Amino acid sequence: MATYTKLSSGSWRVQVRRKGRYVSETFLRRDDARRWATEAERQVDRGETPTKSRIARLKTFGELIDLHIDDMCDVGKSPRRSKAAALDMLQRHLGKCNIAALDRERLIRFGRDRAAQGAGPMTLGIDIGFVKLILAHAAAVHGLPVKVEPVDLARIALKRLGLVGKGNQRDRRPTQDELDRLIAHFDANPRQIAPVGQIIRFAVATAMRQEEICKARWSDMDARTRMLLIRDRKDPRNKNGNNQRIPLFAATGYDAWAIVEDRLAKRAMTMIEFSHSIIGQSAPPSV
């Protein structure tokens, strides 16, 4: 049964004791407390764990996305770039959709819309997978009464429609002329601050991803062995702690170690110029 107590703050505390289970919540209004208590008793009767009021108030798919992100950040697993971009896309397309309205038909319509915007079969398959991940997280971690079966049915339908499937295998590499023109485009831009041309050469020489290159530290470099430590290298099974060491040599037309030496020389020159501009002045320049 439920017991209601009015607190000195004016709020209402409701306590539910049923079949050996005890849960309590606090609400500003008694009507809200009564509705929550009734649903909590029904959940206990069904053998379920009563849902916290904050979680029970979530109504849209966008709120479930935010809940998933918050939970993952709390355990030190915040979404990385690709996942964060996918969740941001789902927030734009399905964020305002009521959880109860996110059925098979709505997901098929979402798939058709994404395909019309240019999303390929593999990309759309990943999108649908993230939808299922968000719903499964809400159900498993927070006990929300959401179902993932409509997602599976929508995936089957989209696969039969040819909108979900394996990606097209790609085996073509850029030609040297294409690389030269790409590098020349960035090197010719006077407003370009990042050394994109060197990043492209280094990527070709090492097969490293853009994020791996930009996150590399000087402390990860072993000048004696000419080896570079790549931290948390992307892997479908293990991303955190998946560190790898790779050699820096010239095997693709670009010399990875020569690029590193060039960056070291420019870094040293920048430090010298900085020291001269600051330490070499006896007094700060007038404004």
C-alpha atoms as a PDB file:
ATOM      1  CA  MET A   1       0.000   0.000   0.000  1.00  0.00           C
ATOM      2  CA  ALA A   2       1.033   3.622  -0.447  1.00  0.00           C
ATOM      3  CA  THR A   3       1.557   6.148   2.364  1.00  0.00           C
ATOM      4  CA  TYR A   4       1.593   9.894   1.691  1.00  0.00           C
ATOM      5  CA  THR A   5       3.354  12.430   3.927  1.00  0.00           C
ATOM      6  CA  LYS A   6       3.330  16.197   3.445  1.00  0.00           C
ATOM      7  CA  LEU A   7       6.771  17.629   4.159  1.00  0.00           C
ATOM      8  CA  SER A   8       7.543  21.008   5.735  1.00  0.00           C
ATOM      9  CA  SER A   9       8.681  22.228   2.301  1.00  0.00           C
ATOM     10  CA  GLY A  10       5.196  21.616   0.933  1.00  0.00           C
ATOM     11  CA  SER A  11       6.238  18.610  -1.149  1.00  0.00           C
ATOM     12  CA  TRP A  12       4.715  15.148  -0.827  1.00  0.00           C
ATOM     13  CA  ARG A  13       6.643  11.996  -0.007  1.00  0.00           C
ATOM     14  CA  VAL A  14       5.028   8.750  -1.069  1.00  0.00           C
ATOM     15  CA  GLN A  15       6.146   5.364   0.294  1.00  0.00           C
ATOM     16  CA  VAL A  16       5.086   2.121  -1.355  1.00  0.00           C
ATOM     17  CA  ARG A  17       5.280  -1.195   0.507  1.00  0.00           C
ATOM     18  CA  ARG A  18       4.094  -4.166  -1.492  1.00  0.00           C
ATOM     19  CA  LYS A  19       5.040  -7.855  -1.588  1.00  0.00           C
ATOM     20  CA  GLY A  20       8.137  -7.236   0.508  1.00  0.00           C
ATOM     21  CA  ARG A  21       9.306  -4.381  -1.702  1.00  0.00           C
ATOM     22  CA  TYR A  22       9.788  -0.809  -0.507  1.00  0.00           C
ATOM     23  CA  VAL A  23      10.262   2.299  -2.669  1.00  0.00           C
ATOM     24  CA  SER A  24       9.756   5.995  -2.034  1.00  0.00           C
ATOM     25  CA  GLU A  25       9.772   9.229  -4.014  1.00  0.00           C
ATOM     26  CA  THR A  26       9.097  12.921  -3.411  1.00  0.00           C
ATOM     27  CA  PHE A  27       6.815  15.103  -5.548  1.00  0.00           C
ATOM     28  CA  LEU A  28       5.685  18.702  -5.568  1.00  0.00           C
ATOM     29  CA  ARG A  29       2.036  17.718  -6.065  1.00  0.00           C
ATOM     30  CA  ARG A  30       0.033  14.990  -4.388  1.00  0.00           C
ATOM     31  CA  ASP A  31      -1.602  13.978  -7.674  1.00  0.00           C
ATOM     32  CA  ASP A  32       1.810  13.238  -9.179  1.00  0.00           C
ATOM     33  CA  ALA A  33       2.721  11.192  -6.108  1.00  0.00           C
ATOM     34  CA  ARG A  34      -0.531   9.223  -6.374  1.00  0.00           C
ATOM     35  CA  ARG A  35      -0.027   8.435 -10.066  1.00  0.00           C
ATOM     36  CA  TRP A  36       3.536   7.294  -9.466  1.00  0.00           C
ATOM     37  CA  ALA A  37       2.491   5.110  -6.522  1.00  0.00           C
ATOM     38  CA  THR A  38      -0.235   3.409  -8.585  1.00  0.00           C
ATOM     39  CA  GLU A  39       2.220   2.615 -11.387  1.00  0.00           C
ATOM     40  CA  ALA A  40       4.856   1.451  -8.882  1.00  0.00           C
ATOM     41  CA  GLU A  41       2.387  -1.014  -7.353  1.00  0.00           C
ATOM     42  CA  ARG A  42       1.523  -2.350 -10.810  1.00  0.00           C
ATOM     43  CA  GLN A  43       5.196  -2.821 -11.614  1.00  0.00           C
ATOM     44  CA  VAL A  44       5.751  -4.755  -8.388  1.00  0.00           C
ATOM     45  CA  ASP A  45       2.753  -6.969  -9.229  1.00  0.00           C
ATOM     46  CA  ARG A  46       4.318  -7.686 -12.634  1.00  0.00           C
ATOM     47  CA  GLY A  47       7.605  -8.605 -10.984  1.00  0.00           C
ATOM     48  CA  GLU A  48       9.329  -5.471 -12.268  1.00  0.00           C
ATOM     49  CA  THR A  49      11.430  -2.902 -10.449  1.00  0.00           C
ATOM     50  CA  PRO A  50       9.558   0.384  -9.915  1.00  0.00           C
ATOM     51  CA  THR A  51      10.981   3.162 -12.054  1.00  0.00           C
ATOM     52  CA  LYS A  52      12.386   6.268 -10.414  1.00  0.00           C
ATOM     53  CA  SER A  53      10.179   9.301 -10.936  1.00  0.00           C
ATOM     54  CA  ARG A  54      12.881  11.238 -12.803  1.00  0.00           C
ATOM     55  CA  ILE A  55      13.281   8.379 -15.250  1.00  0.00           C
ATOM     56  CA  ALA A  56       9.554   7.729 -15.466  1.00  0.00           C
ATOM     57  CA  ARG A  57       8.991  11.316 -16.607  1.00  0.00           C
ATOM     58  CA  LEU A  58      11.085  10.808 -19.726  1.00  0.00           C
ATOM     59  CA  LYS A  59       8.773  10.922 -22.716  1.00  0.00           C
ATOM     60  CA  THR A  60      10.830  11.462 -25.865  1.00  0.00           C
ATOM     61  CA  PHE A  61      13.526   9.455 -27.617  1.00  0.00           C
ATOM     62  CA  GLY A  62      15.816  12.484 -27.361  1.00  0.00           C
ATOM     63  CA  GLU A  63      15.598  12.308 -23.571  1.00  0.00           C
ATOM     64  CA  LEU A  64      16.637   8.643 -23.738  1.00  0.00           C
ATOM     65  CA  ILE A  65      19.659   9.650 -25.826  1.00  0.00           C
ATOM     66  CA  ASP A  66      20.651  12.231 -23.201  1.00  0.00           C
ATOM     67  CA  LEU A  67      20.147   9.630 -20.462  1.00  0.00           C
ATOM     68  CA  HIS A  68      22.443   7.168 -22.258  1.00  0.00           C
ATOM     69  CA  ILE A  69      25.147   9.805 -22.770  1.00  0.00           C
ATOM     70  CA  ASP A  70      24.989  10.885 -19.116  1.00  0.00           C
ATOM     71  CA  ASP A  71      25.252   7.283 -17.923  1.00  0.00           C
ATOM     72  CA  MET A  72      28.236   6.550 -20.152  1.00  0.00           C
ATOM     73  CA  CYS A  73      30.004   9.747 -19.077  1.00  0.00           C
ATOM     74  CA  ASP A  74      29.473   8.779 -15.431  1.00  0.00           C
ATOM     75  CA  VAL A  75      31.466   5.567 -15.970  1.00  0.00           C
ATOM     76  CA  GLY A  76      34.195   7.268 -18.009  1.00  0.00           C
ATOM     77  CA  LYS A  77      33.022   6.055 -21.417  1.00  0.00           C
ATOM     78  CA  SER A  78      31.782   9.231 -23.071  1.00  0.00           C
ATOM     79  CA  PRO A  79      30.853   8.780 -26.759  1.00  0.00           C
ATOM     80  CA  ARG A  80      33.716   9.296 -29.149  1.00  0.00           C
ATOM     81  CA  ARG A  81      33.553  11.269 -32.361  1.00  0.00           C
ATOM     82  CA  SER A  82      31.760   8.767 -34.628  1.00  0.00           C
ATOM     83  CA  LYS A  83      29.254   7.677 -31.990  1.00  0.00           C
ATOM     84  CA  ALA A  84      28.683  11.246 -30.838  1.00  0.00           C
ATOM     85  CA  ALA A  85      27.978  12.291 -34.435  1.00  0.00           C
ATOM     86  CA  ALA A  86      25.515   9.405 -34.878  1.00  0.00           C
ATOM     87  CA  LEU A  87      23.677  10.252 -31.651  1.00  0.00           C
ATOM     88  CA  ASP A  88      23.537  13.910 -32.653  1.00  0.00           C
ATOM     89  CA  MET A  89      21.956  12.877 -35.966  1.00  0.00           C
ATOM     90  CA  LEU A  90      19.376  10.707 -34.155  1.00  0.00           C
ATOM     91  CA  GLN A  91      18.633  13.619 -31.843  1.00  0.00           C
ATOM     92  CA  ARG A  92      17.825  15.813 -34.858  1.00  0.00           C
ATOM     93  CA  HIS A  93      15.706  13.217 -36.677  1.00  0.00           C
ATOM     94  CA  LEU A  94      13.999  11.331 -33.838  1.00  0.00           C
ATOM     95  CA  GLY A  95      14.690  13.408 -30.720  1.00  0.00           C
ATOM     96  CA  LYS A  96      11.202  14.913 -30.493  1.00  0.00           C
ATOM     97  CA  CYS A  97       9.472  11.596 -31.181  1.00  0.00           C
ATOM     98  CA  ASN A  98       7.448  10.240 -28.267  1.00  0.00           C
ATOM     99  CA  ILE A  99       8.862   6.944 -27.018  1.00  0.00           C
ATOM    100  CA  ALA A 100       5.492   5.225 -27.462  1.00  0.00           C
ATOM    101  CA  ALA A 101       5.324   6.465 -31.072  1.00  0.00           C
ATOM    102  CA  LEU A 102       8.726   5.028 -31.989  1.00  0.00           C
ATOM    103  CA  ASP A 103       7.248   1.910 -33.567  1.00  0.00           C
ATOM    104  CA  ARG A 104       8.144  -0.204 -36.582  1.00  0.00           C
ATOM    105  CA  GLU A 105       6.383   2.130 -39.016  1.00  0.00           C
ATOM    106  CA  ARG A 106       8.096   5.245 -37.666  1.00  0.00           C
ATOM    107  CA  LEU A 107      11.520   3.601 -37.889  1.00  0.00           C
ATOM    108  CA  ILE A 108      10.905   2.474 -41.468  1.00  0.00           C
ATOM    109  CA  ARG A 109       9.972   6.049 -42.363  1.00  0.00           C
ATOM    110  CA  PHE A 110      13.162   7.239 -40.677  1.00  0.00           C
ATOM    111  CA  GLY A 111      15.132   4.737 -42.769  1.00  0.00           C
ATOM    112  CA  ARG A 112      13.520   5.900 -46.000  1.00  0.00           C
ATOM    113  CA  ASP A 113      14.234   9.533 -45.135  1.00  0.00           C
ATOM    114  CA  ARG A 114      17.878   8.812 -44.345  1.00  0.00           C
ATOM    115  CA  ALA A 115      18.299   6.860 -47.576  1.00  0.00           C
ATOM    116  CA  ALA A 116      16.764   9.750 -49.538  1.00  0.00           C
ATOM    117  CA  GLN A 117      19.343  12.049 -47.929  1.00  0.00           C
ATOM    118  CA  GLY A 118      22.145   9.833 -49.223  1.00  0.00           C
ATOM    119  CA  ALA A 119      22.818   7.420 -46.354  1.00  0.00           C
ATOM    120  CA  GLY A 120      24.108   4.113 -47.697  1.00  0.00           C
ATOM    121  CA  PRO A 121      22.989   0.632 -46.575  1.00  0.00           C
ATOM    122  CA  MET A 122      25.827   0.215 -44.080  1.00  0.00           C
ATOM    123  CA  THR A 123      25.430   3.713 -42.626  1.00  0.00           C
ATOM    124  CA  LEU A 124      21.697   3.200 -42.157  1.00  0.00           C
ATOM    125  CA  GLY A 125      22.351  -0.169 -40.538  1.00  0.00           C
ATOM    126  CA  ILE A 126      24.626   1.544 -38.017  1.00  0.00           C
ATOM    127  CA  ASP A 127      21.949   4.195 -37.369  1.00  0.00           C
ATOM    128  CA  ILE A 128      19.327   1.526 -36.627  1.00  0.00           C
ATOM    129  CA  GLY A 129      21.822  -0.228 -34.377  1.00  0.00           C
ATOM    130  CA  PHE A 130      22.247   2.929 -32.304  1.00  0.00           C
ATOM    131  CA  VAL A 131      18.463   3.277 -31.974  1.00  0.00           C
ATOM    132  CA  LYS A 132      18.336  -0.245 -30.543  1.00  0.00           C
ATOM    133  CA  LEU A 133      21.293   0.513 -28.256  1.00  0.00           C
ATOM    134  CA  ILE A 134      19.516   3.550 -26.751  1.00  0.00           C
ATOM    135  CA  LEU A 135      16.271   1.646 -26.146  1.00  0.00           C
ATOM    136  CA  ALA A 136      18.036  -1.436 -24.760  1.00  0.00           C
ATOM    137  CA  HIS A 137      20.059   0.764 -22.384  1.00  0.00           C
ATOM    138  CA  ALA A 138      16.896   2.433 -21.049  1.00  0.00           C
ATOM    139  CA  ALA A 139      15.208  -0.934 -20.517  1.00  0.00           C
ATOM    140  CA  ALA A 140      18.179  -2.793 -19.032  1.00  0.00           C
ATOM    141  CA  VAL A 141      19.766  -0.073 -16.880  1.00  0.00           C
ATOM    142  CA  HIS A 142      16.690   1.896 -15.794  1.00  0.00           C
ATOM    143  CA  GLY A 143      13.843  -0.580 -16.165  1.00  0.00           C
ATOM    144  CA  LEU A 144      11.872   1.638 -18.522  1.00  0.00           C
ATOM    145  CA  PRO A 145       9.020  -0.200 -20.264  1.00  0.00           C
ATOM    146  CA  VAL A 146      10.409   0.231 -23.779  1.00  0.00           C
ATOM    147  CA  LYS A 147      10.613  -2.498 -26.399  1.00  0.00           C
ATOM    148  CA  VAL A 148      13.373  -3.232 -28.883  1.00  0.00           C
ATOM    149  CA  GLU A 149      11.336  -5.672 -31.000  1.00  0.00           C
ATOM    150  CA  PRO A 150      10.039  -2.885 -33.319  1.00  0.00           C
ATOM    151  CA  VAL A 151      13.660  -2.013 -34.128  1.00  0.00           C
ATOM    152  CA  ASP A 152      14.376  -5.603 -35.197  1.00  0.00           C
ATOM    153  CA  LEU A 153      11.249  -5.686 -37.369  1.00  0.00           C
ATOM    154  CA  ALA A 154      12.145  -2.336 -38.930  1.00  0.00           C
ATOM    155  CA  ARG A 155      15.644  -3.614 -39.707  1.00  0.00           C
ATOM    156  CA  ILE A 156      14.190  -6.663 -41.472  1.00  0.00           C
ATOM    157  CA  ALA A 157      11.857  -4.440 -43.507  1.00  0.00           C
ATOM    158  CA  LEU A 158      14.624  -2.004 -44.448  1.00  0.00           C
ATOM    159  CA  LYS A 159      16.889  -4.895 -45.414  1.00  0.00           C
ATOM    160  CA  ARG A 160      14.190  -6.336 -47.702  1.00  0.00           C
ATOM    161  CA  LEU A 161      13.795  -2.880 -49.237  1.00  0.00           C
ATOM    162  CA  GLY A 162      17.524  -2.810 -49.935  1.00  0.00           C
ATOM    163  CA  LEU A 163      18.102   0.156 -47.647  1.00  0.00           C
ATOM    164  CA  VAL A 164      20.109  -1.768 -45.017  1.00  0.00           C
ATOM    165  CA  GLY A 165      22.967  -4.074 -45.876  1.00  0.00           C
ATOM    166  CA  LYS A 166      26.696  -4.473 -46.119  1.00  0.00           C
ATOM    167  CA  GLY A 167      28.787  -1.628 -47.396  1.00  0.00           C
ATOM    168  CA  ASN A 168      30.338  -1.723 -50.830  1.00  0.00           C
ATOM    169  CA  GLN A 169      33.879  -3.048 -50.662  1.00  0.00           C
ATOM    170  CA  ARG A 170      36.427  -0.448 -51.671  1.00  0.00           C
ATOM    171  CA  ASP A 171      39.899  -1.340 -52.882  1.00  0.00           C
ATOM    172  CA  ARG A 172      40.909   1.774 -54.839  1.00  0.00           C
ATOM    173  CA  ARG A 173      43.697   3.902 -53.445  1.00  0.00           C
ATOM    174  CA  PRO A 174      44.159   7.562 -54.378  1.00  0.00           C
ATOM    175  CA  THR A 175      46.598   8.084 -57.209  1.00  0.00           C
ATOM    176  CA  GLN A 176      49.778  10.067 -56.686  1.00  0.00           C
ATOM    177  CA  ASP A 177      48.352  12.839 -58.856  1.00  0.00           C
ATOM    178  CA  GLU A 178      45.243  13.038 -56.644  1.00  0.00           C
ATOM    179  CA  LEU A 179      47.389  13.200 -53.508  1.00  0.00           C
ATOM    180  CA  ASP A 180      49.639  15.869 -55.021  1.00  0.00           C
ATOM    181  CA  ARG A 181      46.682  18.041 -55.986  1.00  0.00           C
ATOM    182  CA  LEU A 182      45.058  17.587 -52.582  1.00  0.00           C
ATOM    183  CA  ILE A 183      48.247  18.528 -50.727  1.00  0.00           C
ATOM    184  CA  ALA A 184      48.880  21.475 -53.049  1.00  0.00           C
ATOM    185  CA  HIS A 185      45.373  22.776 -52.381  1.00  0.00           C
ATOM    186  CA  PHE A 186      45.962  22.961 -48.625  1.00  0.00           C
ATOM    187  CA  ASP A 187      49.574  24.177 -48.861  1.00  0.00           C
ATOM    188  CA  ALA A 188      48.474  27.042 -51.132  1.00  0.00           C
ATOM    189  CA  ASN A 189      45.916  28.326 -48.623  1.00  0.00           C
ATOM    190  CA  PRO A 190      47.553  31.207 -46.682  1.00  0.00           C
ATOM    191  CA  ARG A 191      44.816  31.020 -44.029  1.00  0.00           C
ATOM    192  CA  GLN A 192      45.462  27.336 -43.338  1.00  0.00           C
ATOM    193  CA  ILE A 193      46.968  26.994 -39.854  1.00  0.00           C
ATOM    194  CA  ALA A 194      47.037  23.218 -39.391  1.00  0.00           C
ATOM    195  CA  PRO A 195      49.769  21.406 -41.402  1.00  0.00           C
ATOM    196  CA  VAL A 196      47.187  19.451 -43.415  1.00  0.00           C
ATOM    197  CA  GLY A 197      49.663  18.619 -46.173  1.00  0.00           C
ATOM    198  CA  GLN A 198      51.997  16.919 -43.705  1.00  0.00           C
ATOM    199  CA  ILE A 199      49.067  15.188 -42.021  1.00  0.00           C
ATOM    200  CA  ILE A 200      48.044  13.704 -45.386  1.00  0.00           C
ATOM    201  CA  ARG A 201      51.600  12.519 -46.094  1.00  0.00           C
ATOM    202  CA  PHE A 202      51.909  11.056 -42.596  1.00  0.00           C
ATOM    203  CA  ALA A 203      48.539   9.288 -42.936  1.00  0.00           C
ATOM    204  CA  VAL A 204      49.631   7.652 -46.197  1.00  0.00           C
ATOM    205  CA  ALA A 205      52.986   6.648 -44.693  1.00  0.00           C
ATOM    206  CA  THR A 206      51.573   5.155 -41.480  1.00  0.00           C
ATOM    207  CA  ALA A 207      47.933   4.198 -42.270  1.00  0.00           C
ATOM    208  CA  MET A 208      46.935   6.132 -39.143  1.00  0.00           C
ATOM    209  CA  ARG A 209      43.558   7.793 -38.757  1.00  0.00           C
ATOM    210  CA  GLN A 210      43.202  11.554 -38.520  1.00  0.00           C
ATOM    211  CA  GLU A 211      42.329  11.440 -34.806  1.00  0.00           C
ATOM    212  CA  GLU A 212      45.261   9.131 -34.062  1.00  0.00           C
ATOM    213  CA  ILE A 213      47.673  11.503 -35.806  1.00  0.00           C
ATOM    214  CA  CYS A 214      46.349  14.641 -34.128  1.00  0.00           C
ATOM    215  CA  LYS A 215      46.366  13.035 -30.660  1.00  0.00           C
ATOM    216  CA  ALA A 216      49.945  11.736 -30.900  1.00  0.00           C
ATOM    217  CA  ARG A 217      52.270  13.165 -28.254  1.00  0.00           C
ATOM    218  CA  TRP A 218      55.976  13.832 -28.439  1.00  0.00           C
ATOM    219  CA  SER A 219      56.354  11.549 -25.407  1.00  0.00           C
ATOM    220  CA  ASP A 220      54.897   8.705 -27.494  1.00  0.00           C
ATOM    221  CA  MET A 221      57.859   8.917 -29.875  1.00  0.00           C
ATOM    222  CA  ASP A 222      60.952   6.734 -29.451  1.00  0.00           C
ATOM    223  CA  ALA A 223      63.693   8.431 -31.454  1.00  0.00           C
ATOM    224  CA  ARG A 224      66.163   5.601 -30.898  1.00  0.00           C
ATOM    225  CA  THR A 225      63.977   2.910 -32.463  1.00  0.00           C
ATOM    226  CA  ARG A 226      61.885   5.292 -34.598  1.00  0.00           C
ATOM    227  CA  MET A 227      58.684   3.828 -33.180  1.00  0.00           C
ATOM    228  CA  LEU A 228      55.442   5.628 -32.383  1.00  0.00           C
ATOM    229  CA  LEU A 229      52.914   4.592 -29.728  1.00  0.00           C
ATOM    230  CA  ILE A 230      49.288   4.914 -30.882  1.00  0.00           C
ATOM    231  CA  ARG A 231      46.988   5.167 -27.870  1.00  0.00           C
ATOM    232  CA  ASP A 232      43.496   3.610 -27.840  1.00  0.00           C
ATOM    233  CA  ARG A 233      43.632   2.557 -31.471  1.00  0.00           C
ATOM    234  CA  LYS A 234      40.174   2.063 -32.937  1.00  0.00           C
ATOM    235  CA  ASP A 235      39.030  -1.546 -32.855  1.00  0.00           C
ATOM    236  CA  PRO A 236      35.494  -3.001 -33.032  1.00  0.00           C
ATOM    237  CA  ARG A 237      36.126  -5.151 -29.955  1.00  0.00           C
ATOM    238  CA  ASN A 238      38.377  -3.045 -27.760  1.00  0.00           C
ATOM    239  CA  LYS A 239      38.974   0.722 -27.986  1.00  0.00           C
ATOM    240  CA  ASN A 240      40.151   1.695 -24.517  1.00  0.00           C
ATOM    241  CA  GLY A 241      43.678   0.600 -23.755  1.00  0.00           C
ATOM    242  CA  ASN A 242      44.228  -0.796 -27.252  1.00  0.00           C
ATOM    243  CA  ASN A 243      47.707   0.733 -27.589  1.00  0.00           C
ATOM    244  CA  GLN A 244      49.947  -0.233 -30.502  1.00  0.00           C
ATOM    245  CA  ARG A 245      53.508   0.609 -31.496  1.00  0.00           C
ATOM    246  CA  ILE A 246      54.276   1.171 -35.175  1.00  0.00           C
ATOM    247  CA  PRO A 247      57.548   1.804 -37.022  1.00  0.00           C
ATOM    248  CA  LEU A 248      58.106   5.086 -38.826  1.00  0.00           C
ATOM    249  CA  PHE A 249      59.775   4.467 -42.158  1.00  0.00           C
ATOM    250  CA  ALA A 250      59.427   5.200 -45.872  1.00  0.00           C
ATOM    251  CA  ALA A 251      57.504   2.452 -47.638  1.00  0.00           C
ATOM    252  CA  THR A 252      54.721   4.307 -49.460  1.00  0.00           C
ATOM    253  CA  GLY A 253      56.524   7.161 -51.161  1.00  0.00           C
ATOM    254  CA  TYR A 254      56.430   9.332 -48.035  1.00  0.00           C
ATOM    255  CA  ASP A 255      59.015   9.107 -45.234  1.00  0.00           C
ATOM    256  CA  ALA A 256      57.174   9.159 -41.883  1.00  0.00           C
ATOM    257  CA  TRP A 257      60.347   9.724 -39.856  1.00  0.00           C
ATOM    258  CA  ALA A 258      61.430  12.614 -42.099  1.00  0.00           C
ATOM    259  CA  ILE A 259      58.051  14.262 -41.454  1.00  0.00           C
ATOM    260  CA  VAL A 260      58.567  13.851 -37.712  1.00  0.00           C
ATOM    261  CA  GLU A 261      62.058  15.379 -37.915  1.00  0.00           C
ATOM    262  CA  ASP A 262      60.668  18.329 -39.881  1.00  0.00           C
ATOM    263  CA  ARG A 263      57.999  18.890 -37.205  1.00  0.00           C
ATOM    264  CA  LEU A 264      60.670  18.685 -34.486  1.00  0.00           C
ATOM    265  CA  ALA A 265      62.788  21.295 -36.259  1.00  0.00           C
ATOM    266  CA  LYS A 266      59.828  23.664 -36.657  1.00  0.00           C
ATOM    267  CA  ARG A 267      58.847  23.087 -33.031  1.00  0.00           C
ATOM    268  CA  ALA A 268      62.356  23.983 -31.853  1.00  0.00           C
ATOM    269  CA  MET A 269      62.433  27.112 -34.058  1.00  0.00           C
ATOM    270  CA  THR A 270      59.061  28.226 -32.711  1.00  0.00           C
ATOM    271  CA  MET A 271      60.319  27.862 -29.137  1.00  0.00           C
ATOM    272  CA  ILE A 272      63.458  29.913 -29.950  1.00  0.00           C
ATOM    273  CA  GLU A 273      61.426  32.687 -31.581  1.00  0.00           C
ATOM    274  CA  PHE A 274      59.063  32.721 -28.636  1.00  0.00           C
ATOM    275  CA  SER A 275      61.908  33.032 -26.133  1.00  0.00           C
ATOM    276  CA  HIS A 276      63.498  35.854 -28.130  1.00  0.00           C
ATOM    277  CA  SER A 277      60.250  37.762 -28.377  1.00  0.00           C
ATOM    278  CA  ILE A 278      59.639  37.578 -24.639  1.00  0.00           C
ATOM    279  CA  ILE A 279      62.991  37.230 -22.887  1.00  0.00           C
ATOM    280  CA  GLY A 280      64.861  39.477 -25.347  1.00  0.00           C
ATOM    281  CA  GLN A 281      62.774  42.487 -24.418  1.00  0.00           C
ATOM    282  CA  SER A 282      63.923  44.491 -21.431  1.00  0.00           C
ATOM    283  CA  ALA A 283      60.447  45.908 -21.015  1.00  0.00           C
ATOM    284  CA  PRO A 284      57.045  45.156 -22.466  1.00  0.00           C
ATOM    285  CA  PRO A 285      56.208  47.140 -25.608  1.00  0.00           C
ATOM    286  CA  SER A 286      54.032  50.196 -25.206  1.00  0.00           C
ATOM    287  CA  VAL A 287      50.362  49.856 -26.112  1.00  0.00           C
END
